[in-house]
Structures are given as C-alpha cells and as structure tokens.
C-alpha cells in the first residue's frame, strides 16, 4: 500500500511541477537552472517515498517503530 502511495504521489507531484515550469520559464530566463533543480528535487522525493513504501512492505517499518519506542 505504501509503495503504491509513493508512486502515485511521485507521479502527481511530477505533473504539478511540470505545470509550474510553464509559468516559471516565462519569469526566469535560465531554463537549465530550473530543470536541474526540479529533477534533483523530484529524484529525492521519489526515492524517499518509494523507500517508505518498500520499508512498509518488508517489515522494516515495524522494526524502526519498535526501536523508536524503545528509545523514548
């Protein structure tokens, strides 16, 4: 479930960023700066969200929750 949520969120946010680019390209003349920043941010977000999904599928999430509960 978490993996599907991560993939869906990544796809939806990619669409929002693509729509925002249309407006930002008109305002900012350096398109390469926007492109590299957008790709990097989507990469980090996608890896994070997919990592959350994989951790929930493999049971790592339960281990992390137990460890956090033990430390508090």
Protein backbone atom coordinates (compact mmCIF):
# COMPACT_ATOMS: atom_id res chain seq x y z
CA UNK A 1 0.00 0.00 0.00
CA UNK A 2 2.79 2.41 0.90
CA UNK A 3 4.64 1.68 -2.33
CA UNK A 4 1.54 2.47 -4.38
CA UNK A 5 1.03 5.66 -2.39
CA UNK A 6 4.64 6.65 -3.02
CA UNK A 7 4.44 6.02 -6.74
CA UNK A 8 1.11 7.83 -7.05
CA UNK A 9 2.37 10.80 -5.06
CA UNK A 10 5.52 10.97 -7.15
CA UNK A 11 3.52 10.95 -10.38
CA UNK A 12 1.08 13.61 -9.16
CA UNK A 13 3.81 15.90 -7.91
CA UNK A 14 5.70 15.46 -11.17
CA UNK A 15 2.62 16.69 -13.02
CA UNK A 16 2.30 19.72 -10.73
CA UNK A 17 5.97 20.59 -11.19
CA UNK A 18 5.62 20.28 -14.97
CA UNK A 19 2.70 22.70 -14.93
CA UNK A 20 4.61 25.14 -12.72
CA UNK A 21 7.55 25.06 -15.14
CA UNK A 22 5.40 26.65 -17.82
CA UNK A 23 4.92 29.73 -15.65
CA UNK A 24 8.43 29.80 -14.25
CA UNK A 25 10.09 29.55 -17.64
CA UNK A 26 8.34 32.76 -18.65
CA UNK A 27 9.54 34.53 -15.48
CA UNK A 28 13.10 33.13 -15.32
CA UNK A 29 15.30 33.17 -18.39
CA UNK A 30 17.78 30.46 -17.22
CA UNK A 31 15.85 27.29 -18.00
CA UNK A 32 18.77 24.96 -17.23
CA UNK A 33 18.76 26.06 -13.58
CA UNK A 34 15.06 25.26 -13.22
CA UNK A 35 15.44 21.93 -14.97
CA UNK A 36 18.31 20.70 -12.83
CA UNK A 37 16.69 21.87 -9.59
CA UNK A 38 13.37 20.24 -10.48
CA UNK A 39 14.92 16.94 -11.47
CA UNK A 40 17.01 16.79 -8.33
CA UNK A 41 14.08 17.58 -6.04
CA UNK A 42 11.85 15.00 -7.74
CA UNK A 43 14.62 12.41 -7.51
CA UNK A 44 14.97 12.95 -3.74
CA UNK A 45 11.21 12.93 -3.23
CA UNK A 46 10.68 9.84 -5.35
CA UNK A 47 13.45 7.88 -3.63
CA UNK A 48 12.13 8.89 -0.22
CA UNK A 49 8.53 7.95 -0.96
CA UNK A 50 9.42 4.66 -2.65
CA UNK A 51 11.75 3.89 0.25
CA UNK A 52 8.85 4.39 2.66
CA UNK A 53 6.74 2.01 0.61
CA UNK A 54 9.43 -0.66 0.44
CA UNK A 55 10.12 -0.38 4.15
CA UNK A 56 6.43 -0.88 4.91
CA UNK A 57 6.29 -3.95 2.63
CA UNK A 58 9.38 -5.61 4.10
CA UNK A 59 8.58 -5.06 7.76
CA UNK A 60 11.49 -2.68 8.30
CA UNK A 61 8.96 -0.06 9.33
CA UNK A 62 7.89 -2.17 12.29
CA UNK A 63 11.49 -2.58 13.40
CA UNK A 64 12.06 1.17 13.19
CA UNK A 65 8.87 1.87 15.18
CA UNK A 66 9.91 -0.62 17.86
CA UNK A 67 13.38 0.89 18.04
CA UNK A 68 11.92 4.40 18.33
CA UNK A 69 9.53 3.24 21.05
CA UNK A 70 12.38 1.65 22.95
CA UNK A 71 14.46 4.81 22.77
CA UNK A 72 11.70 7.08 24.09
